[in-house]
Amino acid sequence: MEETKSNVVMKTVTRNTLSKQVVERILHLLDSGQLKPGDRLPPEYELMELLNVSRPVLREALSSLEILEVITRRPRGGTFFNDKIGSRPFSAMLALAVDNLPAVIEARMALELGLVTIAAEKITDEQLVKLKDTIDRIASSVDDNYGEVDKEFHRTIAVSANNPVIEGMIDSLLIAHDKMNSHIKYREREVTVRFHMDIYQALANRDPYEAHKHMYLHLSYVRKKLLHHRENT
């Protein structure tokens, strides 16, 4: 693993400081080959000087990259690009779209609609049992705080596609799920259960067409809800 390279070259942020611009500049270190997966980034004070940004803006950008699993920050050890970032291009692209909610939603739809179609052909009986359990847990939740269970439902479907080539896409799917989840101001338990049951039934029937249709209806509903709320706040 290489140490910090003191000769890295970065453009300063010239417009109104936005964390997205800082994210772009940091990812450029990888794209330009100045740093590689596993390398340590320059320390905060050096990045602040190179980018001409304040510490709060830099830390906001670093937090976004950490959530997206592009970097790892180690207490008293520095900040490192993750070793597998080169095999996770979708995470990097989500990082660039950190403030673009419509793009994040569409990215999730593109990934999950494909995955659920494959899952309809390959899902196991054990995974179907797990899916039904998540639906029952959502239905019985008393405070509508079922975000993690909802995530488990969608993760189970993605994993059931059982394709090692798209494992990195599953990580990106869950990142997009978390991003959308953070914008949900109120939940509709009965609506969620209905959508999930329709998807579950299509998967249980091994019907990729119905699985695709019901997943689209579910995600389209969530998209309209999130974007409507954003436009009215």
C-alpha atoms as a PDB file:
ATOM      1  CA  MET A   1       0.000   0.000   0.000  1.00  0.00           C
ATOM      2  CA  GLU A   2       1.437   3.362  -0.995  1.00  0.00           C
ATOM      3  CA  GLU A   3       1.826   6.369   1.250  1.00  0.00           C
ATOM      4  CA  THR A   4       0.487   9.840   0.495  1.00  0.00           C
ATOM      5  CA  LYS A   5       1.884  11.295  -2.694  1.00  0.00           C
ATOM      6  CA  SER A   6       2.924  14.915  -2.133  1.00  0.00           C
ATOM      7  CA  ASN A   7       3.054  15.719  -5.851  1.00  0.00           C
ATOM      8  CA  VAL A   8      -0.611  15.219  -6.640  1.00  0.00           C
ATOM      9  CA  VAL A   9      -2.170  17.951  -8.757  1.00  0.00           C
ATOM     10  CA  MET A  10      -5.754  19.082  -8.236  1.00  0.00           C
ATOM     11  CA  LYS A  11      -7.824  21.958  -9.572  1.00  0.00           C
ATOM     12  CA  THR A  12      -9.280  24.294  -6.979  1.00  0.00           C
ATOM     13  CA  VAL A  13     -13.026  24.684  -6.626  1.00  0.00           C
ATOM     14  CA  THR A  14     -13.822  27.990  -8.297  1.00  0.00           C
ATOM     15  CA  ARG A  15     -17.601  28.225  -8.062  1.00  0.00           C
ATOM     16  CA  ASN A  16     -19.730  28.420  -4.949  1.00  0.00           C
ATOM     17  CA  THR A  17     -18.401  25.620  -2.798  1.00  0.00           C
ATOM     18  CA  LEU A  18     -20.389  22.434  -3.193  1.00  0.00           C
ATOM     19  CA  SER A  19     -19.454  19.075  -1.793  1.00  0.00           C
ATOM     20  CA  LYS A  20     -20.159  17.502  -5.180  1.00  0.00           C
ATOM     21  CA  GLN A  21     -17.326  19.492  -6.746  1.00  0.00           C
ATOM     22  CA  VAL A  22     -14.974  18.289  -4.024  1.00  0.00           C
ATOM     23  CA  VAL A  23     -16.123  14.709  -4.629  1.00  0.00           C
ATOM     24  CA  GLU A  24     -15.385  15.136  -8.340  1.00  0.00           C
ATOM     25  CA  ARG A  25     -11.899  16.482  -7.647  1.00  0.00           C
ATOM     26  CA  ILE A  26     -11.070  13.636  -5.278  1.00  0.00           C
ATOM     27  CA  LEU A  27     -12.336  11.002  -7.697  1.00  0.00           C
ATOM     28  CA  HIS A  28     -10.213  12.659 -10.384  1.00  0.00           C
ATOM     29  CA  LEU A  29      -7.162  11.505  -8.423  1.00  0.00           C
ATOM     30  CA  LEU A  30      -8.191   7.946  -9.318  1.00  0.00           C
ATOM     31  CA  ASP A  31      -9.299   8.714 -12.849  1.00  0.00           C
ATOM     32  CA  SER A  32      -6.044  10.506 -13.654  1.00  0.00           C
ATOM     33  CA  GLY A  33      -3.919   7.746 -12.152  1.00  0.00           C
ATOM     34  CA  GLN A  34      -2.307  10.044  -9.591  1.00  0.00           C
ATOM     35  CA  LEU A  35      -3.577   7.703  -6.865  1.00  0.00           C
ATOM     36  CA  LYS A  36      -4.715   4.090  -7.016  1.00  0.00           C
ATOM     37  CA  PRO A  37      -7.158   1.925  -5.017  1.00  0.00           C
ATOM     38  CA  GLY A  38      -5.626   1.378  -1.599  1.00  0.00           C
ATOM     39  CA  ASP A  39      -3.584   4.608  -1.632  1.00  0.00           C
ATOM     40  CA  ARG A  40      -3.818   7.148   1.156  1.00  0.00           C
ATOM     41  CA  LEU A  41      -5.244  10.566   0.364  1.00  0.00           C
ATOM     42  CA  PRO A  42      -3.388  13.725   1.355  1.00  0.00           C
ATOM     43  CA  PRO A  43      -4.253  14.922   4.886  1.00  0.00           C
ATOM     44  CA  GLU A  44      -7.222  17.241   5.404  1.00  0.00           C
ATOM     45  CA  TYR A  45      -5.213  20.436   5.708  1.00  0.00           C
ATOM     46  CA  GLU A  46      -3.459  19.685   2.419  1.00  0.00           C
ATOM     47  CA  LEU A  47      -6.720  18.867   0.620  1.00  0.00           C
ATOM     48  CA  MET A  48      -8.249  22.088   1.957  1.00  0.00           C
ATOM     49  CA  GLU A  49      -5.334  24.050   0.527  1.00  0.00           C
ATOM     50  CA  LEU A  50      -5.327  22.199  -2.807  1.00  0.00           C
ATOM     51  CA  LEU A  51      -9.065  22.635  -3.273  1.00  0.00           C
ATOM     52  CA  ASN A  52      -9.374  26.034  -1.615  1.00  0.00           C
ATOM     53  CA  VAL A  53     -12.355  24.925   0.468  1.00  0.00           C
ATOM     54  CA  SER A  54     -13.289  25.052   4.141  1.00  0.00           C
ATOM     55  CA  ARG A  55     -13.010  22.090   6.497  1.00  0.00           C
ATOM     56  CA  PRO A  56     -16.840  21.630   6.784  1.00  0.00           C
ATOM     57  CA  VAL A  57     -17.200  21.386   2.988  1.00  0.00           C
ATOM     58  CA  LEU A  58     -14.305  18.954   2.706  1.00  0.00           C
ATOM     59  CA  ARG A  59     -15.657  16.777   5.491  1.00  0.00           C
ATOM     60  CA  GLU A  60     -19.116  16.734   3.919  1.00  0.00           C
ATOM     61  CA  ALA A  61     -17.580  15.449   0.691  1.00  0.00           C
ATOM     62  CA  LEU A  62     -15.471  12.871   2.518  1.00  0.00           C
ATOM     63  CA  SER A  63     -18.539  11.683   4.435  1.00  0.00           C
ATOM     64  CA  SER A  64     -20.395  11.182   1.149  1.00  0.00           C
ATOM     65  CA  LEU A  65     -17.491   9.186  -0.283  1.00  0.00           C
ATOM     66  CA  GLU A  66     -17.291   7.106   2.886  1.00  0.00           C
ATOM     67  CA  ILE A  67     -21.011   6.308   2.851  1.00  0.00           C
ATOM     68  CA  LEU A  68     -20.646   5.240  -0.775  1.00  0.00           C
ATOM     69  CA  GLU A  69     -17.717   3.014   0.247  1.00  0.00           C
ATOM     70  CA  VAL A  70     -15.271   4.815  -2.019  1.00  0.00           C
ATOM     71  CA  ILE A  71     -12.965   5.725   0.882  1.00  0.00           C
ATOM     72  CA  THR A  72     -12.250   4.559   4.418  1.00  0.00           C
ATOM     73  CA  ARG A  73     -11.241   6.943   7.190  1.00  0.00           C
ATOM     74  CA  ARG A  74      -9.110   5.417   9.913  1.00  0.00           C
ATOM     75  CA  PRO A  75      -8.763   7.158  13.280  1.00  0.00           C
ATOM     76  CA  ARG A  76      -5.221   8.545  13.498  1.00  0.00           C
ATOM     77  CA  GLY A  77      -4.385   6.538  10.363  1.00  0.00           C
ATOM     78  CA  GLY A  78      -5.539   8.746   7.524  1.00  0.00           C
ATOM     79  CA  THR A  79      -8.045   8.435   4.681  1.00  0.00           C
ATOM     80  CA  PHE A  80      -7.641   5.722   2.031  1.00  0.00           C
ATOM     81  CA  PHE A  81      -9.281   4.828  -1.237  1.00  0.00           C
ATOM     82  CA  ASN A  82     -10.832   1.389  -0.804  1.00  0.00           C
ATOM     83  CA  ASP A  83      -8.961  -1.481  -2.423  1.00  0.00           C
ATOM     84  CA  LYS A  84     -11.932  -2.584  -4.538  1.00  0.00           C
ATOM     85  CA  ILE A  85     -13.032   0.808  -5.796  1.00  0.00           C
ATOM     86  CA  GLY A  86     -11.804  -0.074  -9.274  1.00  0.00           C
ATOM     87  CA  SER A  87     -14.366  -2.889  -9.435  1.00  0.00           C
ATOM     88  CA  ARG A  88     -17.211  -0.716  -8.149  1.00  0.00           C
ATOM     89  CA  PRO A  89     -17.724   1.976 -10.789  1.00  0.00           C
ATOM     90  CA  PHE A  90     -21.385   2.425  -9.906  1.00  0.00           C
ATOM     91  CA  SER A  91     -20.427   3.582  -6.403  1.00  0.00           C
ATOM     92  CA  ALA A  92     -18.187   6.234  -7.891  1.00  0.00           C
ATOM     93  CA  MET A  93     -20.933   7.422 -10.225  1.00  0.00           C
ATOM     94  CA  LEU A  94     -23.382   7.593  -7.326  1.00  0.00           C
ATOM     95  CA  ALA A  95     -20.830   9.715  -5.505  1.00  0.00           C
ATOM     96  CA  LEU A  96     -20.877  12.173  -8.383  1.00  0.00           C
ATOM     97  CA  ALA A  97     -24.683  12.254  -8.229  1.00  0.00           C
ATOM     98  CA  VAL A  98     -24.767  12.783  -4.469  1.00  0.00           C
ATOM     99  CA  ASP A  99     -27.028  15.866  -4.780  1.00  0.00           C
ATOM    100  CA  ASN A 100     -29.023  14.650  -7.798  1.00  0.00           C
ATOM    101  CA  LEU A 101     -31.933  12.710  -6.316  1.00  0.00           C
ATOM    102  CA  PRO A 102     -33.761  12.063  -9.626  1.00  0.00           C
ATOM    103  CA  ALA A 103     -30.588  10.513 -11.083  1.00  0.00           C
ATOM    104  CA  VAL A 104     -30.095   8.329  -8.002  1.00  0.00           C
ATOM    105  CA  ILE A 105     -33.686   7.103  -8.213  1.00  0.00           C
ATOM    106  CA  GLU A 106     -33.351   6.289 -11.902  1.00  0.00           C
ATOM    107  CA  ALA A 107     -30.086   4.464 -11.255  1.00  0.00           C
ATOM    108  CA  ARG A 108     -31.794   2.312  -8.653  1.00  0.00           C
ATOM    109  CA  MET A 109     -34.683   1.592 -10.993  1.00  0.00           C
ATOM    110  CA  ALA A 110     -32.335   0.580 -13.796  1.00  0.00           C
ATOM    111  CA  LEU A 111     -30.461  -1.813 -11.526  1.00  0.00           C
ATOM    112  CA  GLU A 112     -33.366  -3.292  -9.633  1.00  0.00           C
ATOM    113  CA  LEU A 113     -35.681  -3.846 -12.581  1.00  0.00           C
ATOM    114  CA  GLY A 114     -33.013  -5.973 -14.205  1.00  0.00           C
ATOM    115  CA  LEU A 115     -32.198  -7.844 -11.018  1.00  0.00           C
ATOM    116  CA  VAL A 116     -35.805  -8.707 -10.175  1.00  0.00           C
ATOM    117  CA  THR A 117     -36.302 -10.151 -13.672  1.00  0.00           C
ATOM    118  CA  ILE A 118     -33.335 -12.478 -13.230  1.00  0.00           C
ATOM    119  CA  ALA A 119     -34.416 -13.265  -9.663  1.00  0.00           C
ATOM    120  CA  ALA A 120     -37.759 -14.565 -10.912  1.00  0.00           C
ATOM    121  CA  GLU A 121     -35.885 -17.346 -12.690  1.00  0.00           C
ATOM    122  CA  LYS A 122     -33.374 -18.151  -9.963  1.00  0.00           C
ATOM    123  CA  ILE A 123     -34.804 -17.341  -6.523  1.00  0.00           C
ATOM    124  CA  THR A 124     -34.777 -20.262  -4.084  1.00  0.00           C
ATOM    125  CA  ASP A 125     -37.574 -21.450  -1.821  1.00  0.00           C
ATOM    126  CA  GLU A 126     -35.483 -20.379   1.193  1.00  0.00           C
ATOM    127  CA  GLN A 127     -35.133 -16.870  -0.208  1.00  0.00           C
ATOM    128  CA  LEU A 128     -38.863 -16.710  -0.849  1.00  0.00           C
ATOM    129  CA  VAL A 129     -39.447 -17.594   2.802  1.00  0.00           C
ATOM    130  CA  LYS A 130     -37.088 -14.788   3.797  1.00  0.00           C
ATOM    131  CA  LEU A 131     -38.931 -12.350   1.540  1.00  0.00           C
ATOM    132  CA  LYS A 132     -42.284 -13.272   3.046  1.00  0.00           C
ATOM    133  CA  ASP A 133     -40.839 -12.815   6.530  1.00  0.00           C
ATOM    134  CA  THR A 134     -39.806  -9.235   5.725  1.00  0.00           C
ATOM    135  CA  ILE A 135     -43.314  -8.490   4.477  1.00  0.00           C
ATOM    136  CA  ASP A 136     -44.823  -9.887   7.690  1.00  0.00           C
ATOM    137  CA  ARG A 137     -42.435  -7.800   9.782  1.00  0.00           C
ATOM    138  CA  ILE A 138     -43.356  -4.637   7.898  1.00  0.00           C
ATOM    139  CA  ALA A 139     -47.062  -5.420   8.240  1.00  0.00           C
ATOM    140  CA  SER A 140     -46.709  -5.850  12.018  1.00  0.00           C
ATOM    141  CA  SER A 141     -44.519  -2.787  12.615  1.00  0.00           C
ATOM    142  CA  VAL A 142     -46.197  -0.416  15.051  1.00  0.00           C
ATOM    143  CA  ASP A 143     -44.214   2.769  14.460  1.00  0.00           C
ATOM    144  CA  ASP A 144     -43.686   2.588  10.679  1.00  0.00           C
ATOM    145  CA  ASN A 145     -39.945   2.500  11.316  1.00  0.00           C
ATOM    146  CA  TYR A 146     -39.303  -0.364   8.926  1.00  0.00           C
ATOM    147  CA  GLY A 147     -36.662   1.143   6.659  1.00  0.00           C
ATOM    148  CA  GLU A 148     -34.071  -1.548   7.388  1.00  0.00           C
ATOM    149  CA  VAL A 149     -36.586  -4.346   6.841  1.00  0.00           C
ATOM    150  CA  ASP A 150     -37.581  -2.783   3.534  1.00  0.00           C
ATOM    151  CA  LYS A 151     -33.899  -2.712   2.573  1.00  0.00           C
ATOM    152  CA  GLU A 152     -33.604  -6.403   3.497  1.00  0.00           C
ATOM    153  CA  PHE A 153     -36.512  -7.208   1.153  1.00  0.00           C
ATOM    154  CA  HIS A 154     -34.804  -5.546  -1.795  1.00  0.00           C
ATOM    155  CA  ARG A 155     -31.382  -6.936  -0.936  1.00  0.00           C
ATOM    156  CA  THR A 156     -32.756 -10.487  -0.828  1.00  0.00           C
ATOM    157  CA  ILE A 157     -34.156 -10.080  -4.328  1.00  0.00           C
ATOM    158  CA  ALA A 158     -30.863  -8.699  -5.630  1.00  0.00           C
ATOM    159  CA  VAL A 159     -28.805 -11.479  -4.053  1.00  0.00           C
ATOM    160  CA  SER A 160     -31.176 -14.132  -5.395  1.00  0.00           C
ATOM    161  CA  ALA A 161     -30.134 -13.157  -8.928  1.00  0.00           C
ATOM    162  CA  ASN A 162     -27.010 -15.154  -7.966  1.00  0.00           C
ATOM    163  CA  ASN A 163     -24.590 -13.650 -10.469  1.00  0.00           C
ATOM    164  CA  PRO A 164     -21.028 -12.849  -9.319  1.00  0.00           C
ATOM    165  CA  VAL A 165     -20.508 -10.382 -12.158  1.00  0.00           C
ATOM    166  CA  ILE A 166     -23.172  -8.043 -10.785  1.00  0.00           C
ATOM    167  CA  GLU A 167     -22.266  -8.243  -7.091  1.00  0.00           C
ATOM    168  CA  GLY A 168     -20.893  -4.700  -7.263  1.00  0.00           C
ATOM    169  CA  MET A 169     -24.241  -3.543  -8.609  1.00  0.00           C
ATOM    170  CA  ILE A 170     -25.952  -4.870  -5.498  1.00  0.00           C
ATOM    171  CA  ASP A 171     -23.774  -2.623  -3.336  1.00  0.00           C
ATOM    172  CA  SER A 172     -24.746   0.318  -5.527  1.00  0.00           C
ATOM    173  CA  LEU A 173     -28.405  -0.645  -5.320  1.00  0.00           C
ATOM    174  CA  LEU A 174     -28.271  -0.585  -1.526  1.00  0.00           C
ATOM    175  CA  ILE A 175     -26.446   2.753  -1.559  1.00  0.00           C
ATOM    176  CA  ALA A 176     -29.199   4.195  -3.764  1.00  0.00           C
ATOM    177  CA  HIS A 177     -31.787   2.671  -1.440  1.00  0.00           C
ATOM    178  CA  ASP A 178     -30.203   4.407   1.555  1.00  0.00           C
ATOM    179  CA  LYS A 179     -30.051   7.715  -0.315  1.00  0.00           C
ATOM    180  CA  MET A 180     -33.746   7.502  -1.195  1.00  0.00           C
ATOM    181  CA  ASN A 181     -34.619   6.302   2.292  1.00  0.00           C
ATOM    182  CA  SER A 182     -33.026   9.415   3.795  1.00  0.00           C
ATOM    183  CA  HIS A 183     -35.529  11.562   1.875  1.00  0.00           C
ATOM    184  CA  ILE A 184     -38.652   9.690   2.991  1.00  0.00           C
ATOM    185  CA  LYS A 185     -40.569  11.896   5.432  1.00  0.00           C
ATOM    186  CA  TYR A 186     -43.484   9.569   6.042  1.00  0.00           C
ATOM    187  CA  ARG A 187     -44.168   5.902   5.391  1.00  0.00           C
ATOM    188  CA  GLU A 188     -47.282   4.141   4.185  1.00  0.00           C
ATOM    189  CA  ARG A 189     -47.133   0.676   5.671  1.00  0.00           C
ATOM    190  CA  GLU A 190     -50.188  -0.752   3.922  1.00  0.00           C
ATOM    191  CA  VAL A 191     -49.035   0.568   0.557  1.00  0.00           C
ATOM    192  CA  THR A 192     -45.575  -0.929   1.046  1.00  0.00           C
ATOM    193  CA  VAL A 193     -47.008  -4.292   2.039  1.00  0.00           C
ATOM    194  CA  ARG A 194     -49.272  -4.341  -1.009  1.00  0.00           C
ATOM    195  CA  PHE A 195     -46.425  -3.583  -3.417  1.00  0.00           C
ATOM    196  CA  HIS A 196     -44.116  -6.089  -1.756  1.00  0.00           C
ATOM    197  CA  MET A 197     -46.751  -8.815  -1.775  1.00  0.00           C
ATOM    198  CA  ASP A 198     -47.354  -8.316  -5.496  1.00  0.00           C
ATOM    199  CA  ILE A 199     -43.620  -8.594  -6.169  1.00  0.00           C
ATOM    200  CA  TYR A 200     -43.312 -11.604  -3.886  1.00  0.00           C
ATOM    201  CA  GLN A 201     -46.193 -13.404  -5.604  1.00  0.00           C
ATOM    202  CA  ALA A 202     -44.696 -12.814  -9.035  1.00  0.00           C
ATOM    203  CA  LEU A 203     -41.354 -14.210  -7.846  1.00  0.00           C
ATOM    204  CA  ALA A 204     -43.068 -17.203  -6.216  1.00  0.00           C
ATOM    205  CA  ASN A 205     -44.775 -17.872  -9.569  1.00  0.00           C
ATOM    206  CA  ARG A 206     -41.378 -17.605 -11.320  1.00  0.00           C
ATOM    207  CA  ASP A 207     -42.859 -14.979 -13.613  1.00  0.00           C
ATOM    208  CA  PRO A 208     -40.215 -12.426 -14.744  1.00  0.00           C
ATOM    209  CA  TYR A 209     -42.750 -10.296 -16.616  1.00  0.00           C
ATOM    210  CA  GLU A 210     -45.000  -9.819 -13.606  1.00  0.00           C
ATOM    211  CA  ALA A 211     -41.990  -9.356 -11.324  1.00  0.00           C
ATOM    212  CA  HIS A 212     -40.683  -6.561 -13.562  1.00  0.00           C
ATOM    213  CA  LYS A 213     -44.109  -4.934 -13.777  1.00  0.00           C
ATOM    214  CA  HIS A 214     -44.769  -4.890 -10.054  1.00  0.00           C
ATOM    215  CA  MET A 215     -41.266  -3.737  -9.183  1.00  0.00           C
ATOM    216  CA  TYR A 216     -41.667  -0.888 -11.668  1.00  0.00           C
ATOM    217  CA  LEU A 217     -45.025   0.093 -10.169  1.00  0.00           C
ATOM    218  CA  HIS A 218     -43.467   0.058  -6.692  1.00  0.00           C
ATOM    219  CA  LEU A 219     -40.395   2.125  -7.556  1.00  0.00           C
ATOM    220  CA  SER A 220     -42.379   4.504  -9.750  1.00  0.00           C
ATOM    221  CA  TYR A 221     -44.718   5.206  -6.838  1.00  0.00           C
ATOM    222  CA  VAL A 222     -41.774   5.917  -4.531  1.00  0.00           C
ATOM    223  CA  ARG A 223     -40.159   8.159  -7.158  1.00  0.00           C
ATOM    224  CA  LYS A 224     -43.286  10.286  -7.543  1.00  0.00           C
ATOM    225  CA  LYS A 225     -43.662  10.530  -3.776  1.00  0.00           C
ATOM    226  CA  LEU A 226     -40.068  11.647  -3.177  1.00  0.00           C
ATOM    227  CA  LEU A 227     -39.946  14.129  -6.044  1.00  0.00           C
ATOM    228  CA  HIS A 228     -43.340  15.600  -5.129  1.00  0.00           C
ATOM    229  CA  HIS A 229     -42.175  16.147  -1.564  1.00  0.00           C
ATOM    230  CA  ARG A 230     -38.936  17.739  -2.765  1.00  0.00           C
ATOM    231  CA  GLU A 231     -40.772  20.139  -5.069  1.00  0.00           C
ATOM    232  CA  ASN A 232     -43.025  21.266  -2.228  1.00  0.00           C
ATOM    233  CA  THR A 233     -40.337  21.930   0.375  1.00  0.00           C
END
